[in-house]
Amino acid sequence: MNKKALLEAALFVSDKPLSVQSLTRITKIPETEIGKMLDEIADDTENEDRGVELIETPVGFEMRIKPEYRDNVAELAPFSDLSEGMMRTLAIVAVRQPVKQSVIVRYQGNKAYGYIASLEEKGLVKTEKSGRTKIIMTTPDFEKYFGKSSVEVKKTLEEKL
C-alpha cells in the first residue's frame, strides 16, 4: 500500500484537521515519516493544477478545496468542510455576534479554541483582542460561503442551536 496515498486519503475524508499524532494512530505510519509526506503532499497540491490544498491549522492538517474553486463546487457538498463542532461554533457567532470567545468556550468547551482558529483560517470569522479575551464576528466571506444573505444564514443556523 502506498503510504503517502493512504495519508492523503485520511486527510481528504476527515471532517476536521488531524494532528500528526492522530495521523500516526489512524494510518499506522511512523511519526518520523508523516512530516516528510505532509511536505510532499503540500508541494504536490501547491505546485500542480489541483483543486485541493493541504493546509496546517493550529490544531492539525486538513485538505480543503482551493479558494478559487470553492464557489464552483459549493452546491455539491455545502458545509462538508465544516465539522459539527465548527458548525455549532459558527452558529453561535452568527446568532450572537459580536460574541466573546469566553461565551463560545462556555457552550463548546475547550475545543472551541480550535474551532475558532479553523473558522478564522477559512476566513469565515474574524477576531479582535479585547482585554484577556477575543471578540468574534463573521466576515463578508461568511455570507459568500453560504451563498445566502446573512439574515437567511442566521435563521438556518439558529435552528441548529
N, C-alpha and C. Protein backbone atom coordinates (compact mmCIF):
# COMPACT_ATOMS: atom_id res chain seq x y z
N MET A 1 0.85 -1.19 0.00
CA MET A 1 0.00 0.00 0.00
C MET A 1 0.89 1.25 0.00
N ASN A 2 0.51 2.23 -0.79
CA ASN A 2 1.25 3.48 -0.89
C ASN A 2 0.94 4.33 0.36
N LYS A 3 1.95 4.54 1.20
CA LYS A 3 1.75 5.26 2.47
C LYS A 3 1.31 6.71 2.25
N LYS A 4 1.92 7.36 1.29
CA LYS A 4 1.57 8.76 1.03
C LYS A 4 0.12 8.86 0.56
N ALA A 5 -0.31 7.94 -0.29
CA ALA A 5 -1.70 7.93 -0.76
C ALA A 5 -2.66 7.67 0.40
N LEU A 6 -2.27 6.78 1.32
CA LEU A 6 -3.09 6.49 2.49
C LEU A 6 -3.23 7.74 3.36
N LEU A 7 -2.13 8.44 3.57
CA LEU A 7 -2.14 9.67 4.36
C LEU A 7 -3.04 10.72 3.70
N GLU A 8 -2.90 10.88 2.39
CA GLU A 8 -3.73 11.84 1.66
C GLU A 8 -5.21 11.46 1.76
N ALA A 9 -5.52 10.18 1.66
CA ALA A 9 -6.91 9.72 1.77
C ALA A 9 -7.48 10.02 3.16
N ALA A 10 -6.69 9.81 4.20
CA ALA A 10 -7.15 10.09 5.57
C ALA A 10 -7.44 11.58 5.73
N LEU A 11 -6.57 12.42 5.21
CA LEU A 11 -6.78 13.87 5.30
C LEU A 11 -8.00 14.30 4.49
N PHE A 12 -8.18 13.68 3.34
CA PHE A 12 -9.29 14.05 2.47
C PHE A 12 -10.64 13.70 3.08
N VAL A 13 -10.74 12.55 3.70
CA VAL A 13 -12.03 12.08 4.22
C VAL A 13 -12.39 12.69 5.57
N SER A 14 -11.41 13.20 6.30
CA SER A 14 -11.67 13.75 7.63
C SER A 14 -12.44 15.06 7.54
N ASP A 15 -13.37 15.24 8.48
CA ASP A 15 -14.14 16.48 8.52
C ASP A 15 -13.53 17.51 9.45
N LYS A 16 -12.32 17.23 9.95
CA LYS A 16 -11.65 18.16 10.85
C LYS A 16 -10.14 18.02 10.66
N PRO A 17 -9.38 19.02 11.07
CA PRO A 17 -7.92 18.91 10.98
C PRO A 17 -7.42 17.73 11.82
N LEU A 18 -6.38 17.07 11.33
CA LEU A 18 -5.79 15.93 12.03
C LEU A 18 -4.37 16.26 12.44
N SER A 19 -4.05 15.99 13.70
CA SER A 19 -2.69 16.20 14.19
C SER A 19 -1.80 15.07 13.68
N VAL A 20 -0.50 15.28 13.75
CA VAL A 20 0.46 14.25 13.35
C VAL A 20 0.23 12.98 14.18
N GLN A 21 -0.04 13.16 15.46
CA GLN A 21 -0.29 12.01 16.34
C GLN A 21 -1.54 11.24 15.89
N SER A 22 -2.59 11.95 15.54
CA SER A 22 -3.81 11.29 15.04
C SER A 22 -3.54 10.56 13.73
N LEU A 23 -2.80 11.20 12.85
CA LEU A 23 -2.47 10.56 11.58
C LEU A 23 -1.66 9.29 11.79
N THR A 24 -0.74 9.32 12.75
CA THR A 24 0.06 8.13 13.07
C THR A 24 -0.85 7.02 13.59
N ARG A 25 -1.75 7.37 14.48
CA ARG A 25 -2.66 6.37 15.05
C ARG A 25 -3.57 5.77 13.98
N ILE A 26 -4.10 6.60 13.11
CA ILE A 26 -5.06 6.16 12.09
C ILE A 26 -4.38 5.34 10.99
N THR A 27 -3.24 5.82 10.51
CA THR A 27 -2.60 5.19 9.35
C THR A 27 -1.53 4.17 9.71
N LYS A 28 -1.09 4.18 10.96
CA LYS A 28 0.00 3.30 11.42
C LYS A 28 1.33 3.64 10.75
N ILE A 29 1.43 4.84 10.20
CA ILE A 29 2.68 5.32 9.61
C ILE A 29 3.47 6.00 10.72
N PRO A 30 4.76 5.68 10.86
CA PRO A 30 5.56 6.31 11.92
C PRO A 30 5.57 7.84 11.80
N GLU A 31 5.54 8.48 12.96
CA GLU A 31 5.53 9.95 13.02
C GLU A 31 6.68 10.56 12.23
N THR A 32 7.84 9.90 12.27
CA THR A 32 9.02 10.43 11.58
C THR A 32 8.81 10.49 10.07
N GLU A 33 7.99 9.62 9.52
CA GLU A 33 7.73 9.61 8.08
C GLU A 33 6.60 10.58 7.70
N ILE A 34 5.68 10.80 8.61
CA ILE A 34 4.50 11.61 8.30
C ILE A 34 4.87 13.05 7.95
N GLY A 35 5.79 13.64 8.70
CA GLY A 35 6.20 15.02 8.42
C GLY A 35 6.69 15.20 7.00
N LYS A 36 7.54 14.28 6.55
CA LYS A 36 8.08 14.35 5.19
C LYS A 36 6.96 14.19 4.16
N MET A 37 6.07 13.25 4.42
CA MET A 37 4.96 13.01 3.48
C MET A 37 4.00 14.20 3.43
N LEU A 38 3.77 14.84 4.57
CA LEU A 38 2.91 16.03 4.59
C LEU A 38 3.52 17.13 3.73
N ASP A 39 4.84 17.30 3.83
CA ASP A 39 5.53 18.29 2.99
C ASP A 39 5.36 17.95 1.51
N GLU A 40 5.49 16.66 1.17
CA GLU A 40 5.34 16.24 -0.22
C GLU A 40 3.92 16.49 -0.73
N ILE A 41 2.93 16.16 0.09
CA ILE A 41 1.53 16.37 -0.31
C ILE A 41 1.27 17.87 -0.48
N ALA A 42 1.79 18.69 0.43
CA ALA A 42 1.62 20.14 0.32
C ALA A 42 2.25 20.65 -0.98
N ASP A 43 3.46 20.17 -1.30
CA ASP A 43 4.12 20.56 -2.55
C ASP A 43 3.31 20.11 -3.76
N ASP A 44 2.83 18.86 -3.72
CA ASP A 44 2.04 18.33 -4.84
C ASP A 44 0.82 19.20 -5.10
N THR A 45 0.10 19.53 -4.06
CA THR A 45 -1.15 20.27 -4.24
C THR A 45 -0.90 21.75 -4.55
N GLU A 46 0.24 22.26 -4.11
CA GLU A 46 0.56 23.67 -4.36
C GLU A 46 1.09 23.88 -5.77
N ASN A 47 1.95 22.99 -6.23
CA ASN A 47 2.65 23.18 -7.49
C ASN A 47 1.91 22.67 -8.70
N GLU A 48 0.93 21.82 -8.51
CA GLU A 48 0.19 21.27 -9.64
C GLU A 48 -1.15 21.97 -9.76
N ASP A 49 -1.77 21.81 -10.90
CA ASP A 49 -3.12 22.35 -11.09
C ASP A 49 -4.09 21.40 -10.43
N ARG A 50 -4.21 21.53 -9.14
CA ARG A 50 -5.07 20.65 -8.34
C ARG A 50 -6.17 21.50 -7.72
N GLY A 51 -7.31 20.89 -7.47
CA GLY A 51 -8.45 21.59 -6.89
C GLY A 51 -8.45 21.62 -5.38
N VAL A 52 -7.53 20.87 -4.76
CA VAL A 52 -7.45 20.83 -3.30
C VAL A 52 -6.07 21.28 -2.84
N GLU A 53 -5.99 21.64 -1.57
CA GLU A 53 -4.72 22.03 -0.98
C GLU A 53 -4.62 21.46 0.42
N LEU A 54 -3.40 21.29 0.88
CA LEU A 54 -3.16 20.86 2.25
C LEU A 54 -2.77 22.10 3.04
N ILE A 55 -3.48 22.32 4.14
CA ILE A 55 -3.14 23.47 4.99
C ILE A 55 -2.90 22.99 6.41
N GLU A 56 -2.07 23.74 7.11
CA GLU A 56 -1.82 23.47 8.52
C GLU A 56 -2.59 24.50 9.33
N THR A 57 -3.41 24.02 10.24
CA THR A 57 -4.17 24.88 11.14
C THR A 57 -3.54 24.78 12.52
N PRO A 58 -3.97 25.58 13.46
CA PRO A 58 -3.42 25.47 14.81
C PRO A 58 -3.64 24.09 15.46
N VAL A 59 -4.62 23.33 14.96
CA VAL A 59 -4.91 22.03 15.59
C VAL A 59 -4.51 20.84 14.74
N GLY A 60 -3.99 21.06 13.54
CA GLY A 60 -3.56 19.94 12.71
C GLY A 60 -3.56 20.29 11.23
N PHE A 61 -3.63 19.24 10.41
CA PHE A 61 -3.58 19.39 8.96
C PHE A 61 -4.92 19.00 8.36
N GLU A 62 -5.27 19.67 7.25
CA GLU A 62 -6.51 19.30 6.57
C GLU A 62 -6.40 19.58 5.07
N MET A 63 -7.14 18.78 4.31
CA MET A 63 -7.27 19.00 2.88
C MET A 63 -8.54 19.83 2.71
N ARG A 64 -8.46 20.81 1.82
CA ARG A 64 -9.66 21.60 1.55
C ARG A 64 -9.64 22.06 0.09
N ILE A 65 -10.80 22.47 -0.36
CA ILE A 65 -10.94 22.97 -1.72
C ILE A 65 -10.19 24.30 -1.81
N LYS A 66 -9.43 24.47 -2.89
CA LYS A 66 -8.75 25.75 -3.08
C LYS A 66 -9.79 26.85 -3.24
N PRO A 67 -9.51 28.03 -2.67
CA PRO A 67 -10.50 29.12 -2.71
C PRO A 67 -11.02 29.45 -4.10
N GLU A 68 -10.17 29.36 -5.11
CA GLU A 68 -10.60 29.73 -6.46
C GLU A 68 -11.61 28.75 -7.06
N TYR A 69 -11.77 27.56 -6.46
CA TYR A 69 -12.73 26.57 -6.96
C TYR A 69 -13.94 26.42 -6.05
N ARG A 70 -13.88 26.99 -4.86
CA ARG A 70 -14.91 26.79 -3.85
C ARG A 70 -16.31 27.17 -4.34
N ASP A 71 -16.44 28.33 -4.97
CA ASP A 71 -17.76 28.78 -5.43
C ASP A 71 -18.35 27.83 -6.47
N ASN A 72 -17.50 27.26 -7.32
CA ASN A 72 -17.98 26.40 -8.39
C ASN A 72 -18.51 25.06 -7.90
N VAL A 73 -18.02 24.58 -6.77
CA VAL A 73 -18.42 23.25 -6.29
C VAL A 73 -19.20 23.28 -4.98
N ALA A 74 -19.45 24.45 -4.45
CA ALA A 74 -20.09 24.57 -3.13
C ALA A 74 -21.43 23.86 -3.06
N GLU A 75 -22.21 23.91 -4.12
CA GLU A 75 -23.54 23.30 -4.07
C GLU A 75 -23.48 21.77 -4.03
N LEU A 76 -22.36 21.19 -4.41
CA LEU A 76 -22.23 19.73 -4.38
C LEU A 76 -22.12 19.19 -2.97
N ALA A 77 -21.50 19.95 -2.11
CA ALA A 77 -21.31 19.49 -0.73
C ALA A 77 -21.29 20.68 0.21
N PRO A 78 -22.42 21.36 0.35
CA PRO A 78 -22.42 22.52 1.24
C PRO A 78 -22.06 22.13 2.66
N PHE A 79 -21.21 22.90 3.26
CA PHE A 79 -20.78 22.74 4.65
C PHE A 79 -19.94 21.48 4.89
N SER A 80 -19.56 20.75 3.84
CA SER A 80 -18.85 19.49 4.07
C SER A 80 -17.46 19.69 4.67
N ASP A 81 -16.89 20.86 4.49
CA ASP A 81 -15.57 21.08 5.06
C ASP A 81 -15.64 21.65 6.48
N LEU A 82 -16.84 21.71 7.05
CA LEU A 82 -17.01 22.18 8.42
C LEU A 82 -17.49 21.03 9.29
N SER A 83 -16.76 20.76 10.34
CA SER A 83 -17.18 19.71 11.27
C SER A 83 -18.42 20.17 12.03
N GLU A 84 -19.05 19.24 12.71
CA GLU A 84 -20.23 19.59 13.50
C GLU A 84 -19.88 20.63 14.56
N GLY A 85 -18.74 20.47 15.22
CA GLY A 85 -18.31 21.43 16.23
C GLY A 85 -18.07 22.81 15.64
N MET A 86 -17.48 22.84 14.44
CA MET A 86 -17.25 24.13 13.79
C MET A 86 -18.57 24.77 13.39
N MET A 87 -19.53 23.96 12.93
CA MET A 87 -20.84 24.50 12.57
C MET A 87 -21.54 25.08 13.80
N ARG A 88 -21.45 24.38 14.92
CA ARG A 88 -22.08 24.90 16.14
C ARG A 88 -21.43 26.21 16.57
N THR A 89 -20.11 26.24 16.51
CA THR A 89 -19.38 27.46 16.87
C THR A 89 -19.78 28.60 15.94
N LEU A 90 -19.83 28.32 14.66
CA LEU A 90 -20.21 29.33 13.68
C LEU A 90 -21.65 29.81 13.92
N ALA A 91 -22.51 28.89 14.30
CA ALA A 91 -23.90 29.26 14.59
C ALA A 91 -23.97 30.22 15.78
N ILE A 92 -23.20 29.92 16.81
CA ILE A 92 -23.18 30.80 18.00
C ILE A 92 -22.69 32.19 17.60
N VAL A 93 -21.62 32.24 16.81
CA VAL A 93 -21.08 33.53 16.38
C VAL A 93 -22.10 34.28 15.53
N ALA A 94 -22.70 33.59 14.56
CA ALA A 94 -23.64 34.25 13.65
C ALA A 94 -24.86 34.80 14.38
N VAL A 95 -25.36 34.05 15.34
CA VAL A 95 -26.57 34.44 16.04
C VAL A 95 -26.30 35.52 17.09
N ARG A 96 -25.16 35.44 17.76
CA ARG A 96 -24.91 36.33 18.90
C ARG A 96 -23.85 37.39 18.64
N GLN A 97 -23.36 37.50 17.43
CA GLN A 97 -22.24 38.40 17.18
C GLN A 97 -22.55 39.86 17.46
N PRO A 98 -21.53 40.62 17.84
CA PRO A 98 -20.20 40.17 18.25
C PRO A 98 -20.29 39.43 19.58
N VAL A 99 -19.52 38.35 19.70
CA VAL A 99 -19.60 37.49 20.88
C VAL A 99 -18.19 37.27 21.45
N LYS A 100 -18.10 37.22 22.76
CA LYS A 100 -16.81 36.96 23.41
C LYS A 100 -16.44 35.49 23.24
N GLN A 101 -15.16 35.27 23.03
CA GLN A 101 -14.65 33.90 22.92
C GLN A 101 -15.00 33.09 24.16
N SER A 102 -14.97 33.72 25.32
CA SER A 102 -15.28 33.02 26.57
C SER A 102 -16.71 32.48 26.59
N VAL A 103 -17.63 33.17 25.93
CA VAL A 103 -19.02 32.69 25.84
C VAL A 103 -19.07 31.42 24.98
N ILE A 104 -18.34 31.43 23.87
CA ILE A 104 -18.31 30.26 23.00
C ILE A 104 -17.69 29.08 23.73
N VAL A 105 -16.62 29.32 24.47
CA VAL A 105 -15.96 28.25 25.24
C VAL A 105 -16.92 27.68 26.28
N ARG A 106 -17.74 28.53 26.86
CA ARG A 106 -18.72 28.07 27.84
C ARG A 106 -19.68 27.06 27.20
N TYR A 107 -20.09 27.31 25.97
CA TYR A 107 -21.01 26.42 25.25
C TYR A 107 -20.30 25.19 24.69
N GLN A 108 -19.12 25.38 24.11
CA GLN A 108 -18.45 24.34 23.35
C GLN A 108 -17.32 23.63 24.10
N GLY A 109 -16.88 24.17 25.21
CA GLY A 109 -15.74 23.59 25.90
C GLY A 109 -14.43 24.06 25.27
N ASN A 110 -13.32 23.48 25.72
CA ASN A 110 -12.00 23.91 25.26
C ASN A 110 -11.75 23.68 23.78
N LYS A 111 -12.51 22.79 23.15
CA LYS A 111 -12.35 22.56 21.71
C LYS A 111 -12.72 23.81 20.91
N ALA A 112 -13.45 24.71 21.53
CA ALA A 112 -13.87 25.94 20.85
C ALA A 112 -12.67 26.73 20.34
N TYR A 113 -11.56 26.70 21.06
CA TYR A 113 -10.37 27.45 20.61
C TYR A 113 -9.92 26.96 19.24
N GLY A 114 -9.90 25.65 19.06
CA GLY A 114 -9.52 25.07 17.76
C GLY A 114 -10.54 25.37 16.68
N TYR A 115 -11.82 25.28 17.03
CA TYR A 115 -12.87 25.58 16.07
C TYR A 115 -12.77 27.03 15.60
N ILE A 116 -12.57 27.95 16.55
CA ILE A 116 -12.46 29.37 16.20
C ILE A 116 -11.26 29.60 15.30
N ALA A 117 -10.13 28.98 15.64
CA ALA A 117 -8.92 29.13 14.83
C ALA A 117 -9.15 28.60 13.41
N SER A 118 -9.81 27.46 13.29
CA SER A 118 -10.09 26.90 11.96
C SER A 118 -11.04 27.78 11.17
N LEU A 119 -12.06 28.30 11.82
CA LEU A 119 -13.01 29.18 11.14
C LEU A 119 -12.34 30.48 10.71
N GLU A 120 -11.42 30.96 11.53
CA GLU A 120 -10.67 32.17 11.17
C GLU A 120 -9.76 31.87 9.98
N GLU A 121 -9.13 30.71 10.00
CA GLU A 121 -8.26 30.28 8.90
C GLU A 121 -9.05 30.20 7.58
N LYS A 122 -10.29 29.76 7.66
CA LYS A 122 -11.14 29.65 6.47
C LYS A 122 -11.72 31.01 6.07
N GLY A 123 -11.51 32.03 6.90
CA GLY A 123 -11.98 33.37 6.58
C GLY A 123 -13.45 33.61 6.89
N LEU A 124 -14.06 32.72 7.67
CA LEU A 124 -15.48 32.85 7.99
C LEU A 124 -15.74 33.72 9.21
N VAL A 125 -14.76 33.82 10.10
CA VAL A 125 -14.88 34.70 11.27
C VAL A 125 -13.60 35.51 11.41
N LYS A 126 -13.72 36.61 12.13
CA LYS A 126 -12.53 37.39 12.48
C LYS A 126 -12.56 37.63 13.97
N THR A 127 -11.38 37.81 14.54
CA THR A 127 -11.28 38.02 15.98
C THR A 127 -10.58 39.35 16.25
N GLU A 128 -11.00 39.97 17.33
CA GLU A 128 -10.35 41.20 17.80
C GLU A 128 -10.06 41.04 19.27
N LYS A 129 -8.85 41.35 19.66
CA LYS A 129 -8.46 41.25 21.07
C LYS A 129 -9.25 42.26 21.89
N SER A 130 -9.75 41.80 23.04
CA SER A 130 -10.49 42.66 23.95
C SER A 130 -10.13 42.25 25.37
N GLY A 131 -9.13 42.91 25.93
CA GLY A 131 -8.67 42.53 27.26
C GLY A 131 -8.06 41.15 27.23
N ARG A 132 -8.55 40.26 28.10
CA ARG A 132 -8.00 38.90 28.17
C ARG A 132 -8.73 37.92 27.26
N THR A 133 -9.73 38.40 26.55
CA THR A 133 -10.48 37.51 25.66
C THR A 133 -10.46 38.09 24.25
N LYS A 134 -11.19 37.48 23.35
CA LYS A 134 -11.33 37.97 21.98
C LYS A 134 -12.81 38.16 21.69
N ILE A 135 -13.08 39.10 20.81
CA ILE A 135 -14.43 39.31 20.30
C ILE A 135 -14.46 38.68 18.91
N ILE A 136 -15.48 37.86 18.67
CA ILE A 136 -15.56 37.12 17.41
C ILE A 136 -16.81 37.54 16.65
N MET A 137 -16.64 37.72 15.33
CA MET A 137 -17.76 38.07 14.46
C MET A 137 -17.53 37.45 13.08
N THR A 138 -18.59 37.37 12.30
CA THR A 138 -18.47 36.81 10.95
C THR A 138 -17.83 37.84 10.02
N THR A 139 -17.36 37.36 8.88
CA THR A 139 -16.72 38.20 7.87
C THR A 139 -17.62 38.25 6.63
N PRO A 140 -17.31 39.11 5.66
CA PRO A 140 -18.06 39.10 4.40
C PRO A 140 -17.98 37.74 3.68
N ASP A 141 -16.88 37.02 3.86
CA ASP A 141 -16.74 35.69 3.24
C ASP A 141 -17.74 34.69 3.81
N PHE A 142 -18.20 34.93 5.03
CA PHE A 142 -19.21 34.07 5.65
C PHE A 142 -20.46 34.01 4.77
N GLU A 143 -20.94 35.17 4.35
CA GLU A 143 -22.14 35.23 3.51
C GLU A 143 -21.88 34.61 2.14
N LYS A 144 -20.70 34.87 1.57
CA LYS A 144 -20.35 34.29 0.28
C LYS A 144 -20.28 32.77 0.37
N TYR A 145 -19.71 32.27 1.45
CA TYR A 145 -19.53 30.83 1.64
C TYR A 145 -20.87 30.10 1.62
N PHE A 146 -21.86 30.68 2.28
CA PHE A 146 -23.17 30.03 2.37
C PHE A 146 -24.07 30.36 1.17
N GLY A 147 -23.69 31.35 0.36
CA GLY A 147 -24.45 31.68 -0.83
C GLY A 147 -25.83 32.24 -0.56
N LYS A 148 -26.01 32.79 0.62
CA LYS A 148 -27.30 33.37 1.01
C LYS A 148 -27.03 34.65 1.77
N SER A 149 -28.08 35.44 1.95
CA SER A 149 -27.92 36.66 2.74
C SER A 149 -27.66 36.27 4.19
N SER A 150 -27.05 37.17 4.94
CA SER A 150 -26.72 36.87 6.33
C SER A 150 -27.98 36.62 7.16
N VAL A 151 -29.09 37.24 6.80
CA VAL A 151 -30.35 37.02 7.52
C VAL A 151 -30.82 35.58 7.33
N GLU A 152 -30.75 35.07 6.09
CA GLU A 152 -31.15 33.68 5.82
C GLU A 152 -30.22 32.70 6.52
N VAL A 153 -28.93 32.98 6.47
CA VAL A 153 -27.95 32.11 7.12
C VAL A 153 -28.19 32.09 8.62
N LYS A 154 -28.40 33.26 9.20
CA LYS A 154 -28.64 33.35 10.64
C LYS A 154 -29.86 32.52 11.04
N LYS A 155 -30.93 32.60 10.25
CA LYS A 155 -32.14 31.84 10.55
C LYS A 155 -31.86 30.33 10.50
N THR A 156 -31.15 29.89 9.48
CA THR A 156 -30.81 28.47 9.35
C THR A 156 -29.96 28.01 10.53
N LEU A 157 -28.97 28.81 10.89
CA LEU A 157 -28.08 28.44 11.98
C LEU A 157 -28.77 28.47 13.33
N GLU A 158 -29.71 29.39 13.53
CA GLU A 158 -30.45 29.43 14.79
C GLU A 158 -31.17 28.11 15.03
N GLU A 159 -31.64 27.48 13.96
CA GLU A 159 -32.34 26.20 14.07
C GLU A 159 -31.39 25.09 14.53
N LYS A 160 -30.10 25.23 14.24
CA LYS A 160 -29.13 24.21 14.62
C LYS A 160 -28.66 24.34 16.07
N LEU A 161 -28.94 25.46 16.70
CA LEU A 161 -28.51 25.67 18.09
C LEU A 161 -29.33 24.85 19.07
